[in-house]
C-alpha atoms as a PDB file:
ATOM      1  CA  MET A   1    -107.267  71.188 -27.966  1.00  0.00           C
ATOM      2  CA  LEU A   2    -109.682  72.022 -25.126  1.00  0.00           C
ATOM      3  CA  SER A   3    -113.312  72.711 -25.967  1.00  0.00           C
ATOM      4  CA  THR A   4    -114.789  76.116 -25.075  1.00  0.00           C
ATOM      5  CA  SER A   5    -116.326  74.702 -21.885  1.00  0.00           C
ATOM      6  CA  LYS A   6    -113.045  73.081 -20.909  1.00  0.00           C
ATOM      7  CA  LYS A   7    -111.148  76.302 -21.571  1.00  0.00           C
ATOM      8  CA  ALA A   8    -113.588  78.123 -19.329  1.00  0.00           C
ATOM      9  CA  ALA A   9    -113.131  75.507 -16.615  1.00  0.00           C
ATOM     10  CA  ALA A  10    -109.345  75.783 -16.906  1.00  0.00           C
ATOM     11  CA  LEU A  11    -109.580  79.586 -16.663  1.00  0.00           C
ATOM     12  CA  THR A  12    -111.789  79.294 -13.586  1.00  0.00           C
ATOM     13  CA  LEU A  13    -109.270  76.907 -12.096  1.00  0.00           C
ATOM     14  CA  SER A  14    -106.437  79.359 -12.734  1.00  0.00           C
ATOM     15  CA  MET A  15    -108.407  82.160 -11.064  1.00  0.00           C
ATOM     16  CA  LEU A  16    -109.222  79.993  -8.061  1.00  0.00           C
ATOM     17  CA  PHE A  17    -105.585  79.095  -7.602  1.00  0.00           C
ATOM     18  CA  CYS A  18    -104.901  82.822  -7.156  1.00  0.00           C
ATOM     19  CA  SER A  19    -107.770  83.306  -4.728  1.00  0.00           C
ATOM     20  CA  PRO A  20    -106.764  84.106  -1.133  1.00  0.00           C
ATOM     21  CA  LEU A  21    -109.780  82.087   0.050  1.00  0.00           C
ATOM     22  CA  PHE A  22    -108.641  79.094  -1.953  1.00  0.00           C
ATOM     23  CA  ALA A  23    -112.066  77.456  -2.402  1.00  0.00           C
ATOM     24  CA  THR A  24    -110.883  73.857  -2.587  1.00  0.00           C
ATOM     25  CA  SER A  25    -114.290  72.362  -3.442  1.00  0.00           C
ATOM     26  CA  ASN A  26    -114.584  74.762  -6.395  1.00  0.00           C
ATOM     27  CA  ILE A  27    -111.112  73.848  -7.589  1.00  0.00           C
ATOM     28  CA  THR A  28    -111.988  70.166  -7.373  1.00  0.00           C
ATOM     29  CA  GLN A  29    -115.106  70.653  -9.468  1.00  0.00           C
ATOM     30  CA  SER A  30    -113.215  72.823 -11.982  1.00  0.00           C
ATOM     31  CA  LEU A  31    -110.614  70.090 -12.461  1.00  0.00           C
ATOM     32  CA  ILE A  32    -113.360  67.488 -12.876  1.00  0.00           C
ATOM     33  CA  ASP A  33    -115.214  69.697 -15.365  1.00  0.00           C
ATOM     34  CA  ALA A  34    -112.056  70.473 -17.350  1.00  0.00           C
ATOM     35  CA  THR A  35    -111.447  66.753 -17.947  1.00  0.00           C
ATOM     36  CA  GLN A  36    -114.949  65.261 -17.933  1.00  0.00           C
ATOM     37  CA  ASN A  37    -114.911  63.903 -21.500  1.00  0.00           C
ATOM     38  CA  LEU A  38    -111.432  62.375 -21.333  1.00  0.00           C
ATOM     39  CA  SER A  39    -110.436  58.773 -20.663  1.00  0.00           C
ATOM     40  CA  THR A  40    -109.188  58.083 -17.146  1.00  0.00           C
ATOM     41  CA  ILE A  41    -105.538  58.013 -18.260  1.00  0.00           C
ATOM     42  CA  LYS A  42    -105.970  61.281 -20.153  1.00  0.00           C
ATOM     43  CA  LYS A  43    -107.558  62.729 -17.025  1.00  0.00           C
ATOM     44  CA  VAL A  44    -104.475  61.804 -15.001  1.00  0.00           C
ATOM     45  CA  GLU A  45    -102.272  63.439 -17.615  1.00  0.00           C
ATOM     46  CA  LYS A  46    -104.339  66.622 -17.824  1.00  0.00           C
ATOM     47  CA  ILE A  47    -105.091  67.060 -14.126  1.00  0.00           C
ATOM     48  CA  SER A  48    -101.436  66.610 -13.188  1.00  0.00           C
ATOM     49  CA  GLU A  49    -100.447  69.012 -15.985  1.00  0.00           C
ATOM     50  CA  LEU A  50    -102.761  71.691 -14.582  1.00  0.00           C
ATOM     51  CA  LEU A  51    -101.040  71.266 -11.212  1.00  0.00           C
ATOM     52  CA  LEU A  52     -97.490  71.759 -12.581  1.00  0.00           C
ATOM     53  CA  GLY A  53     -95.700  74.503 -10.703  1.00  0.00           C
ATOM     54  CA  THR A  54     -97.698  74.071  -7.491  1.00  0.00           C
ATOM     55  CA  PRO A  55     -95.334  74.629  -4.524  1.00  0.00           C
ATOM     56  CA  TYR A  56     -93.856  71.692  -2.612  1.00  0.00           C
ATOM     57  CA  ALA A  57     -94.435  71.353   1.131  1.00  0.00           C
ATOM     58  CA  ASP A  58     -94.022  68.201   3.181  1.00  0.00           C
ATOM     59  CA  GLY A  59     -96.828  66.703   5.238  1.00  0.00           C
ATOM     60  CA  LYS A  60     -99.499  69.370   4.775  1.00  0.00           C
ATOM     61  CA  LEU A  61    -102.524  67.050   4.758  1.00  0.00           C
ATOM     62  CA  GLY A  62    -104.038  65.630   7.913  1.00  0.00           C
ATOM     63  CA  GLU A  63    -107.344  64.469   9.328  1.00  0.00           C
ATOM     64  CA  GLY A  64    -109.076  67.847   9.097  1.00  0.00           C
ATOM     65  CA  VAL A  65    -110.751  69.858  11.855  1.00  0.00           C
ATOM     66  CA  ASN A  66    -111.866  66.700  13.681  1.00  0.00           C
ATOM     67  CA  GLY A  67    -108.396  65.161  13.762  1.00  0.00           C
ATOM     68  CA  LYS A  68    -106.977  64.271  17.157  1.00  0.00           C
ATOM     69  CA  TYR A  69    -103.280  64.626  16.323  1.00  0.00           C
ATOM     70  CA  ASP A  70    -103.087  66.235  12.891  1.00  0.00           C
ATOM     71  CA  ARG A  71    -105.691  68.835  11.962  1.00  0.00           C
ATOM     72  CA  ASP A  72    -104.135  69.847   8.677  1.00  0.00           C
ATOM     73  CA  PRO A  73    -106.749  69.815   5.856  1.00  0.00           C
ATOM     74  CA  LEU A  74    -108.052  66.548   4.418  1.00  0.00           C
ATOM     75  CA  TYR A  75    -107.174  67.914   0.987  1.00  0.00           C
ATOM     76  CA  ARG A  76    -105.768  71.072  -0.558  1.00  0.00           C
ATOM     77  CA  PHE A  77    -104.410  72.384  -3.869  1.00  0.00           C
ATOM     78  CA  ASP A  78    -101.982  75.130  -2.885  1.00  0.00           C
ATOM     79  CA  LYS A  79     -99.108  72.791  -1.969  1.00  0.00           C
ATOM     80  CA  PHE A  80     -98.198  69.116  -2.227  1.00  0.00           C
ATOM     81  CA  ASP A  81     -95.631  66.564  -1.171  1.00  0.00           C
ATOM     82  CA  CYS A  82     -94.910  63.601  -3.429  1.00  0.00           C
ATOM     83  CA  THR A  83     -97.630  61.335  -2.035  1.00  0.00           C
ATOM     84  CA  THR A  84    -100.385  63.941  -1.624  1.00  0.00           C
ATOM     85  CA  PHE A  85     -99.804  65.022  -5.224  1.00  0.00           C
ATOM     86  CA  VAL A  86    -100.318  61.460  -6.496  1.00  0.00           C
ATOM     87  CA  GLU A  87    -103.309  60.875  -4.197  1.00  0.00           C
ATOM     88  CA  THR A  88    -105.007  64.101  -5.261  1.00  0.00           C
ATOM     89  CA  VAL A  89    -104.532  63.538  -8.991  1.00  0.00           C
ATOM     90  CA  MET A  90    -105.767  59.950  -8.824  1.00  0.00           C
ATOM     91  CA  ALA A  91    -108.768  60.806  -6.638  1.00  0.00           C
ATOM     92  CA  ILE A  92    -109.897  63.545  -9.043  1.00  0.00           C
ATOM     93  CA  ALA A  93    -109.372  61.305 -12.081  1.00  0.00           C
ATOM     94  CA  ILE A  94    -111.858  58.736 -10.776  1.00  0.00           C
ATOM     95  CA  SER A  95    -114.404  61.253  -9.450  1.00  0.00           C
ATOM     96  CA  ASP A  96    -117.519  62.774 -11.024  1.00  0.00           C
ATOM     97  CA  THR A  97    -118.221  65.388  -8.346  1.00  0.00           C
ATOM     98  CA  SER A  98    -116.374  67.179  -5.549  1.00  0.00           C
ATOM     99  CA  ASP A  99    -118.243  65.001  -3.039  1.00  0.00           C
ATOM    100  CA  SER A 100    -117.119  61.782  -4.719  1.00  0.00           C
ATOM    101  CA  PHE A 101    -113.563  63.194  -4.783  1.00  0.00           C
ATOM    102  CA  LEU A 102    -113.574  63.578  -1.009  1.00  0.00           C
ATOM    103  CA  ASN A 103    -114.784  60.004  -0.633  1.00  0.00           C
ATOM    104  CA  ASN A 104    -112.154  58.728  -3.065  1.00  0.00           C
ATOM    105  CA  ILE A 105    -109.218  60.599  -1.579  1.00  0.00           C
ATOM    106  CA  ASN A 106    -110.178  59.375   1.887  1.00  0.00           C
ATOM    107  CA  ASN A 107    -110.312  55.817   0.589  1.00  0.00           C
ATOM    108  CA  ILE A 108    -106.879  56.189  -1.003  1.00  0.00           C
ATOM    109  CA  ARG A 109    -105.262  57.886   1.997  1.00  0.00           C
ATOM    110  CA  TYR A 110    -106.828  55.755   4.755  1.00  0.00           C
ATOM    111  CA  LYS A 111    -107.359  52.049   5.303  1.00  0.00           C
ATOM    112  CA  ALA A 112    -110.973  51.256   4.352  1.00  0.00           C
ATOM    113  CA  GLY A 113    -111.582  55.015   4.138  1.00  0.00           C
ATOM    114  CA  TYR A 114    -111.660  55.384   7.944  1.00  0.00           C
ATOM    115  CA  VAL A 115    -110.106  58.777   8.705  1.00  0.00           C
ATOM    116  CA  SER A 116    -107.708  58.711  11.656  1.00  0.00           C
ATOM    117  CA  TYR A 117    -103.979  59.075  12.149  1.00  0.00           C
ATOM    118  CA  THR A 118    -103.446  55.388  12.895  1.00  0.00           C
ATOM    119  CA  THR A 119    -105.413  54.239   9.824  1.00  0.00           C
ATOM    120  CA  ARG A 120    -103.622  56.586   7.442  1.00  0.00           C
ATOM    121  CA  ASN A 121    -101.586  54.744   4.800  1.00  0.00           C
ATOM    122  CA  HIS A 122     -98.236  56.007   6.074  1.00  0.00           C
ATOM    123  CA  PHE A 123     -95.923  53.389   4.507  1.00  0.00           C
ATOM    124  CA  PRO A 124     -96.203  52.775   0.734  1.00  0.00           C
ATOM    125  CA  SER A 125     -95.098  49.130   0.656  1.00  0.00           C
ATOM    126  CA  LEU A 126     -96.896  48.132   3.873  1.00  0.00           C
ATOM    127  CA  ASP A 127    -100.029  50.309   3.760  1.00  0.00           C
ATOM    128  CA  TRP A 128    -100.555  52.474   0.685  1.00  0.00           C
ATOM    129  CA  ILE A 129    -100.099  49.863  -2.034  1.00  0.00           C
ATOM    130  CA  PRO A 130    -101.709  46.802  -0.346  1.00  0.00           C
ATOM    131  CA  ASN A 131    -104.672  48.839   0.943  1.00  0.00           C
ATOM    132  CA  ASN A 132    -105.343  50.360  -2.472  1.00  0.00           C
ATOM    133  CA  GLN A 133    -105.558  47.236  -4.610  1.00  0.00           C
ATOM    134  CA  VAL A 134    -109.168  48.100  -5.418  1.00  0.00           C
ATOM    135  CA  PHE A 135    -107.879  51.227  -7.183  1.00  0.00           C
ATOM    136  CA  PHE A 136    -104.443  50.241  -8.478  1.00  0.00           C
ATOM    137  CA  GLU A 137    -102.941  47.209 -10.176  1.00  0.00           C
ATOM    138  CA  ASP A 138     -99.237  46.414  -9.804  1.00  0.00           C
ATOM    139  CA  ILE A 139     -97.931  45.893 -13.356  1.00  0.00           C
ATOM    140  CA  THR A 140     -94.212  45.859 -12.560  1.00  0.00           C
ATOM    141  CA  ARG A 141     -93.652  42.201 -13.459  1.00  0.00           C
ATOM    142  CA  SER A 142     -95.493  42.528 -16.766  1.00  0.00           C
ATOM    143  CA  ILE A 143     -93.038  45.291 -17.701  1.00  0.00           C
ATOM    144  CA  SER A 144     -89.721  43.855 -16.577  1.00  0.00           C
ATOM    145  CA  GLY A 145     -90.373  40.102 -16.703  1.00  0.00           C
ATOM    146  CA  GLU A 146     -87.497  37.941 -15.495  1.00  0.00           C
ATOM    147  CA  THR A 147     -85.384  40.940 -14.552  1.00  0.00           C
ATOM    148  CA  THR A 148     -87.919  41.937 -11.875  1.00  0.00           C
ATOM    149  CA  ALA A 149     -86.385  42.166  -8.406  1.00  0.00           C
ATOM    150  CA  GLN A 150     -88.060  42.095  -5.003  1.00  0.00           C
ATOM    151  CA  ALA A 151     -87.646  44.685  -2.270  1.00  0.00           C
ATOM    152  CA  VAL A 152     -88.167  43.368   1.256  1.00  0.00           C
ATOM    153  CA  ALA A 153     -88.117  45.237   4.557  1.00  0.00           C
ATOM    154  CA  ILE A 154     -89.337  44.720   8.100  1.00  0.00           C
ATOM    155  CA  ILE A 155     -91.366  47.812   8.880  1.00  0.00           C
ATOM    156  CA  ASP A 156     -91.641  48.476  12.598  1.00  0.00           C
ATOM    157  CA  LYS A 157     -94.585  50.818  13.089  1.00  0.00           C
ATOM    158  CA  LYS A 158     -94.364  50.611  16.872  1.00  0.00           C
ATOM    159  CA  ALA A 159     -90.792  51.915  16.780  1.00  0.00           C
ATOM    160  CA  TRP A 160     -91.814  54.563  14.224  1.00  0.00           C
ATOM    161  CA  TYR A 161     -94.539  55.870  16.540  1.00  0.00           C
ATOM    162  CA  LYS A 162     -92.124  55.772  19.459  1.00  0.00           C
ATOM    163  CA  ALA A 163     -89.656  57.901  17.475  1.00  0.00           C
ATOM    164  CA  SER A 164     -92.309  60.553  16.781  1.00  0.00           C
ATOM    165  CA  LYS A 165     -91.417  64.178  17.521  1.00  0.00           C
ATOM    166  CA  ILE A 166     -93.738  66.904  18.752  1.00  0.00           C
ATOM    167  CA  THR A 167     -93.973  68.225  15.180  1.00  0.00           C
ATOM    168  CA  ARG A 168     -96.351  65.316  14.485  1.00  0.00           C
ATOM    169  CA  ILE A 169     -98.988  67.297  16.392  1.00  0.00           C
ATOM    170  CA  GLN A 170    -100.136  69.628  13.632  1.00  0.00           C
ATOM    171  CA  SER A 171    -102.394  72.707  13.445  1.00  0.00           C
ATOM    172  CA  ILE A 172    -103.679  72.320  17.004  1.00  0.00           C
ATOM    173  CA  ASP A 173    -103.790  75.604  18.917  1.00  0.00           C
ATOM    174  CA  ILE A 174    -102.591  74.445  22.342  1.00  0.00           C
ATOM    175  CA  ASP A 175     -99.466  75.015  24.419  1.00  0.00           C
ATOM    176  CA  GLU A 176     -96.369  72.817  24.272  1.00  0.00           C
ATOM    177  CA  ASN A 177     -97.274  70.887  27.429  1.00  0.00           C
ATOM    178  CA  ASN A 178    -100.634  69.819  25.991  1.00  0.00           C
ATOM    179  CA  LYS A 179     -98.995  68.991  22.678  1.00  0.00           C
ATOM    180  CA  GLN A 180     -96.543  66.785  24.547  1.00  0.00           C
ATOM    181  CA  GLN A 181     -99.454  64.988  26.201  1.00  0.00           C
ATOM    182  CA  LEU A 182    -101.036  64.375  22.796  1.00  0.00           C
ATOM    183  CA  LEU A 183     -97.718  63.083  21.499  1.00  0.00           C
ATOM    184  CA  GLU A 184     -97.525  60.587  24.360  1.00  0.00           C
ATOM    185  CA  GLN A 185    -101.069  59.454  23.552  1.00  0.00           C
ATOM    186  CA  LEU A 186    -100.057  59.007  19.915  1.00  0.00           C
ATOM    187  CA  LYS A 187     -97.036  56.932  20.921  1.00  0.00           C
ATOM    188  CA  ALA A 188     -99.269  54.807  23.125  1.00  0.00           C
ATOM    189  CA  GLU A 189    -101.576  54.148  20.156  1.00  0.00           C
ATOM    190  CA  GLY A 190     -98.548  52.919  18.258  1.00  0.00           C
ATOM    191  CA  GLU A 191     -98.103  50.095  20.778  1.00  0.00           C
ATOM    192  CA  GLN A 192    -100.862  48.160  18.984  1.00  0.00           C
ATOM    193  CA  PHE A 193     -98.623  47.507  15.983  1.00  0.00           C
ATOM    194  CA  GLU A 194     -96.070  44.740  15.544  1.00  0.00           C
ATOM    195  CA  PRO A 195     -93.188  44.663  13.035  1.00  0.00           C
ATOM    196  CA  LYS A 196     -94.294  43.329   9.669  1.00  0.00           C
ATOM    197  CA  GLN A 197     -92.525  42.273   6.527  1.00  0.00           C
ATOM    198  CA  ALA A 198     -93.383  44.340   3.468  1.00  0.00           C
ATOM    199  CA  SER A 199     -92.318  43.478  -0.048  1.00  0.00           C
ATOM    200  CA  LEU A 200     -92.898  44.764  -3.541  1.00  0.00           C
ATOM    201  CA  PRO A 201     -91.535  44.035  -7.012  1.00  0.00           C
ATOM    202  CA  TYR A 202     -89.384  46.580  -8.793  1.00  0.00           C
ATOM    203  CA  ILE A 203     -87.641  47.210 -12.093  1.00  0.00           C
ATOM    204  CA  PRO A 204     -83.897  47.492 -11.369  1.00  0.00           C
ATOM    205  CA  LEU A 205     -82.237  50.632 -12.715  1.00  0.00           C
ATOM    206  CA  ASP A 206     -79.627  48.325 -14.225  1.00  0.00           C
ATOM    207  CA  SER A 207     -82.381  46.878 -16.422  1.00  0.00           C
ATOM    208  CA  ILE A 208     -83.242  50.337 -17.717  1.00  0.00           C
ATOM    209  CA  PHE A 209     -79.670  51.604 -18.026  1.00  0.00           C
ATOM    210  CA  VAL A 210     -77.931  48.547 -19.458  1.00  0.00           C
ATOM    211  CA  GLN A 211     -74.205  48.778 -18.814  1.00  0.00           C
ATOM    212  CA  THR A 212     -71.755  48.241 -21.672  1.00  0.00           C
ATOM    213  CA  THR A 213     -67.972  47.780 -21.610  1.00  0.00           C
ATOM    214  CA  PRO A 214     -65.929  50.786 -22.777  1.00  0.00           C
ATOM    215  CA  THR A 215     -62.947  50.391 -25.075  1.00  0.00           C
ATOM    216  CA  SER A 216     -59.423  50.060 -23.685  1.00  0.00           C
ATOM    217  CA  GLU A 217     -58.627  53.555 -24.974  1.00  0.00           C
ATOM    218  CA  VAL A 218     -61.563  55.044 -23.042  1.00  0.00           C
ATOM    219  CA  LEU A 219     -60.559  53.126 -19.920  1.00  0.00           C
ATOM    220  CA  GLN A 220     -57.014  54.501 -20.178  1.00  0.00           C
ATOM    221  CA  GLU A 221     -58.300  58.050 -20.593  1.00  0.00           C
ATOM    222  CA  ARG A 222     -60.459  57.631 -17.530  1.00  0.00           C
ATOM    223  CA  ALA A 223     -57.578  56.219 -15.504  1.00  0.00           C
ATOM    224  CA  ASN A 224     -55.484  59.246 -16.398  1.00  0.00           C
ATOM    225  CA  LYS A 225     -58.258  61.654 -15.481  1.00  0.00           C
ATOM    226  CA  LEU A 226     -58.897  59.882 -12.192  1.00  0.00           C
ATOM    227  CA  ARG A 227     -55.202  60.075 -11.344  1.00  0.00           C
ATOM    228  CA  SER A 228     -55.285  63.778 -12.101  1.00  0.00           C
ATOM    229  CA  ILE A 229     -58.188  64.298  -9.680  1.00  0.00           C
ATOM    230  CA  GLN A 230     -56.518  62.201  -6.985  1.00  0.00           C
ATOM    231  CA  THR A 231     -53.284  64.200  -7.162  1.00  0.00           C
ATOM    232  CA  ASP A 232     -54.841  67.647  -7.511  1.00  0.00           C
ATOM    233  CA  GLU A 233     -53.479  69.508  -4.469  1.00  0.00           C
ATOM    234  CA  SER A 234     -55.901  72.406  -4.957  1.00  0.00           C
ATOM    235  CA  LEU A 235     -58.784  70.171  -3.854  1.00  0.00           C
ATOM    236  CA  SER A 236     -59.798  69.536  -0.258  1.00  0.00           C
ATOM    237  CA  ASP A 237     -60.531  65.947   0.738  1.00  0.00           C
ATOM    238  CA  LYS A 238     -64.259  66.693   0.598  1.00  0.00           C
ATOM    239  CA  GLU A 239     -63.997  68.278  -2.841  1.00  0.00           C
ATOM    240  CA  ARG A 240     -61.877  65.385  -4.127  1.00  0.00           C
ATOM    241  CA  LYS A 241     -64.368  62.773  -2.936  1.00  0.00           C
ATOM    242  CA  ALA A 242     -67.247  64.704  -4.523  1.00  0.00           C
ATOM    243  CA  LYS A 243     -65.384  65.078  -7.795  1.00  0.00           C
ATOM    244  CA  ILE A 244     -64.476  61.389  -7.933  1.00  0.00           C
ATOM    245  CA  LYS A 245     -68.081  60.443  -7.141  1.00  0.00           C
ATOM    246  CA  GLN A 246     -69.375  62.664  -9.959  1.00  0.00           C
ATOM    247  CA  PHE A 247     -66.683  61.339 -12.318  1.00  0.00           C
ATOM    248  CA  ASN A 248     -67.698  57.724 -11.646  1.00  0.00           C
ATOM    249  CA  LEU A 249     -71.390  58.559 -12.149  1.00  0.00           C
ATOM    250  CA  GLU A 250     -70.708  60.304 -15.451  1.00  0.00           C
ATOM    251  CA  ASN A 251     -68.801  57.240 -16.623  1.00  0.00           C
ATOM    252  CA  ARG A 252     -71.643  54.906 -15.615  1.00  0.00           C
ATOM    253  CA  ILE A 253     -74.114  57.073 -17.529  1.00  0.00           C
ATOM    254  CA  ALA A 254     -71.809  57.207 -20.559  1.00  0.00           C
ATOM    255  CA  ASP A 255     -71.554  53.411 -20.547  1.00  0.00           C
ATOM    256  CA  SER A 256     -75.341  52.980 -20.467  1.00  0.00           C
ATOM    257  CA  VAL A 257     -77.621  51.888 -23.269  1.00  0.00           C
ATOM    258  CA  ILE A 258     -81.251  52.770 -22.548  1.00  0.00           C
ATOM    259  CA  ASN A 259     -83.547  49.755 -22.695  1.00  0.00           C
ATOM    260  CA  GLN A 260     -86.178  51.534 -24.777  1.00  0.00           C
ATOM    261  CA  PRO A 261     -88.464  48.501 -25.280  1.00  0.00           C
ATOM    262  CA  LEU A 262     -88.766  48.235 -21.498  1.00  0.00           C
ATOM    263  CA  LEU A 263     -89.459  51.961 -21.054  1.00  0.00           C
ATOM    264  CA  ASP A 264     -92.087  51.778 -23.790  1.00  0.00           C
ATOM    265  CA  LYS A 265     -94.051  49.323 -21.621  1.00  0.00           C
ATOM    266  CA  ILE A 266     -94.513  51.865 -18.810  1.00  0.00           C
ATOM    267  CA  PRO A 267     -97.985  53.338 -19.387  1.00  0.00           C
ATOM    268  CA  SER A 268     -98.530  57.071 -19.306  1.00  0.00           C
ATOM    269  CA  GLY A 269    -100.497  58.016 -16.209  1.00  0.00           C
ATOM    270  CA  SER A 270     -99.116  55.187 -14.111  1.00  0.00           C
ATOM    271  CA  ILE A 271     -97.787  55.645 -10.574  1.00  0.00           C
ATOM    272  CA  ILE A 272     -94.042  55.339 -10.069  1.00  0.00           C
ATOM    273  CA  ASN A 273     -92.848  54.252  -6.627  1.00  0.00           C
ATOM    274  CA  VAL A 274     -89.131  54.884  -6.129  1.00  0.00           C
ATOM    275  CA  VAL A 275     -87.692  51.784  -4.460  1.00  0.00           C
ATOM    276  CA  ARG A 276     -84.920  51.605  -1.875  1.00  0.00           C
ATOM    277  CA  PRO A 277     -84.922  47.968  -0.691  1.00  0.00           C
ATOM    278  CA  ASN A 278     -84.695  47.607   3.084  1.00  0.00           C
ATOM    279  CA  TRP A 279     -83.733  51.266   3.401  1.00  0.00           C
ATOM    280  CA  ASN A 280     -82.180  51.600   6.852  1.00  0.00           C
ATOM    281  CA  LEU A 281     -83.731  54.620   8.570  1.00  0.00           C
ATOM    282  CA  LYS A 282     -83.874  53.226  12.102  1.00  0.00           C
ATOM    283  CA  LYS A 283     -81.477  55.868  13.403  1.00  0.00           C
ATOM    284  CA  TRP A 284     -83.831  58.636  12.310  1.00  0.00           C
ATOM    285  CA  ILE A 285     -87.395  57.271  12.271  1.00  0.00           C
ATOM    286  CA  GLY A 286     -87.174  53.922  14.084  1.00  0.00           C
ATOM    287  CA  THR A 287     -87.741  51.612  11.116  1.00  0.00           C
ATOM    288  CA  ASN A 288     -86.633  50.567   7.661  1.00  0.00           C
ATOM    289  CA  MET A 289     -88.649  51.311   4.510  1.00  0.00           C
ATOM    290  CA  ASN A 290     -88.869  50.197   0.867  1.00  0.00           C
ATOM    291  CA  VAL A 291     -90.180  53.319  -0.908  1.00  0.00           C
ATOM    292  CA  SER A 292     -88.739  56.833  -0.668  1.00  0.00           C
ATOM    293  CA  HIS A 293     -90.693  58.790  -3.276  1.00  0.00           C
ATOM    294  CA  GLN A 294     -93.773  58.695  -5.532  1.00  0.00           C
ATOM    295  CA  GLY A 295     -94.691  60.352  -8.810  1.00  0.00           C
ATOM    296  CA  LEU A 296     -96.303  59.779 -12.197  1.00  0.00           C
ATOM    297  CA  ALA A 297     -95.070  58.477 -15.546  1.00  0.00           C
ATOM    298  CA  ILE A 298     -96.219  60.890 -18.238  1.00  0.00           C
ATOM    299  CA  ARG A 299     -95.669  60.634 -21.999  1.00  0.00           C
ATOM    300  CA  LYS A 300     -95.534  63.808 -24.055  1.00  0.00           C
ATOM    301  CA  ASN A 301     -93.917  64.660 -27.377  1.00  0.00           C
ATOM    302  CA  GLY A 302     -92.767  61.064 -27.727  1.00  0.00           C
ATOM    303  CA  LYS A 303     -90.789  61.063 -24.459  1.00  0.00           C
ATOM    304  CA  LEU A 304     -91.386  59.578 -21.026  1.00  0.00           C
ATOM    305  CA  TYR A 305     -91.315  62.028 -18.102  1.00  0.00           C
ATOM    306  CA  PHE A 306     -91.361  61.697 -14.344  1.00  0.00           C
ATOM    307  CA  ARG A 307     -93.927  64.195 -13.009  1.00  0.00           C
ATOM    308  CA  HIS A 308     -93.614  64.673  -9.280  1.00  0.00           C
ATOM    309  CA  ALA A 309     -93.724  67.068  -6.349  1.00  0.00           C
ATOM    310  CA  SER A 310     -90.015  67.764  -5.961  1.00  0.00           C
ATOM    311  CA  SER A 311     -88.479  68.814  -2.641  1.00  0.00           C
ATOM    312  CA  SER A 312     -85.271  69.923  -4.397  1.00  0.00           C
ATOM    313  CA  GLN A 313     -87.123  72.129  -6.904  1.00  0.00           C
ATOM    314  CA  ASN A 314     -89.871  73.122  -4.444  1.00  0.00           C
ATOM    315  CA  ALA A 315     -92.669  72.512  -6.943  1.00  0.00           C
ATOM    316  CA  VAL A 316     -94.524  69.960  -9.047  1.00  0.00           C
ATOM    317  CA  VAL A 317     -92.257  69.491 -12.063  1.00  0.00           C
ATOM    318  CA  ASP A 318     -91.584  67.346 -15.132  1.00  0.00           C
ATOM    319  CA  VAL A 319     -88.185  65.714 -15.634  1.00  0.00           C
ATOM    320  CA  GLU A 320     -87.277  63.324 -18.428  1.00  0.00           C
ATOM    321  CA  PHE A 321     -87.548  59.861 -16.911  1.00  0.00           C
ATOM    322  CA  THR A 322     -84.049  58.698 -17.825  1.00  0.00           C
ATOM    323  CA  GLN A 323     -82.519  62.036 -16.844  1.00  0.00           C
ATOM    324  CA  TYR A 324     -84.059  61.838 -13.383  1.00  0.00           C
ATOM    325  CA  PHE A 325     -83.156  58.237 -12.627  1.00  0.00           C
ATOM    326  CA  SER A 326     -79.683  58.291 -14.184  1.00  0.00           C
ATOM    327  CA  LYS A 327     -78.579  60.378 -11.188  1.00  0.00           C
ATOM    328  CA  PHE A 328     -79.073  57.330  -8.969  1.00  0.00           C
ATOM    329  CA  LEU A 329     -77.186  54.703 -10.950  1.00  0.00           C
ATOM    330  CA  LEU A 330     -74.466  54.470  -8.310  1.00  0.00           C
ATOM    331  CA  SER A 331     -76.742  55.051  -5.332  1.00  0.00           C
ATOM    332  CA  PRO A 332     -76.129  52.564  -2.511  1.00  0.00           C
ATOM    333  CA  THR A 333     -79.846  52.595  -1.630  1.00  0.00           C
ATOM    334  CA  LEU A 334     -82.039  53.589  -4.612  1.00  0.00           C
ATOM    335  CA  LYS A 335     -82.277  50.526  -6.837  1.00  0.00           C
ATOM    336  CA  GLY A 336     -85.350  50.795  -9.059  1.00  0.00           C
ATOM    337  CA  VAL A 337     -89.011  51.599  -9.572  1.00  0.00           C
ATOM    338  CA  ASN A 338     -92.336  49.932  -8.918  1.00  0.00           C
ATOM    339  CA  VAL A 339     -95.218  50.666 -11.326  1.00  0.00           C
ATOM    340  CA  LEU A 340     -98.952  50.821 -10.555  1.00  0.00           C
ATOM    341  CA  ARG A 341    -101.811  51.398 -12.988  1.00  0.00           C
ATOM    342  CA  LEU A 342    -105.335  52.599 -12.295  1.00  0.00           C
ATOM    343  CA  ARG A 343    -107.857  49.784 -12.614  1.00  0.00           C
ATOM    344  CA  ARG A 344    -110.466  52.099 -14.152  1.00  0.00           C
END
């Protein structure tokens, strides 16, 4: 239960969230005050809880008013994407004042804390994780042991910059021609980068959802049901494919035994990186990647949850960990999770 001072801080926070001026420094201090006597892990849990329900919006942080290409705010609390949510929570959890928060979030978001578009930690496995080892410890192998897998991708930043669209030029009040000139300058800055290999360990979903063999009777029932779907003339080809895909996923989930001892090793308050090994996005962004999403592992009421800024639900939400990841058991790209823990 919150103390009287913490309740007051939480109330102030709630009022500030409703303020049209949205005094971000006051919100930062209110979050710090509301959790000042908690352990760091408890701070992560509580801060992220207070931010539940905050709207989702992609790419709404930038380099601030002095940014050359992206003048979106350096930090904000009215909307998050998956990464800015994690960065904000972690930066507050390790801060004592609003000033130290700004320093910490800059150090998490930018290489060596130097604020510029080209030093921003854009790629989790190439930039964000390696550049933040002072803050976070990778504990994936200690959780999954011999079942740990390795995701490897060649990340081509030069090609990624070259594939940039004019929407990269954010919150700058100039005409389209000048924006195009800035975009060309940004692409030129990208020429300094060479393709690099990025790798990170991950816990395979198959290690969490251990597959068992169904009985012959169950297999026969499934064969009959599949045949029924395949011969259903009321379905279009698209509907049939979708129904078969869902049928196969439901069967994979039904055949799964949750590896609870493994899940129990994932600490509450840790960072979950959703891993897609060598994810081929060249057609769209010019390069491959290893990580597609970030969130937090949170334990409450004896269950493990995935707390994240969700694009599909348009808000920061909690979903039971196994419920969320079971949806991807037959995914051709999403294969597991990487786990980081705060060092302090």
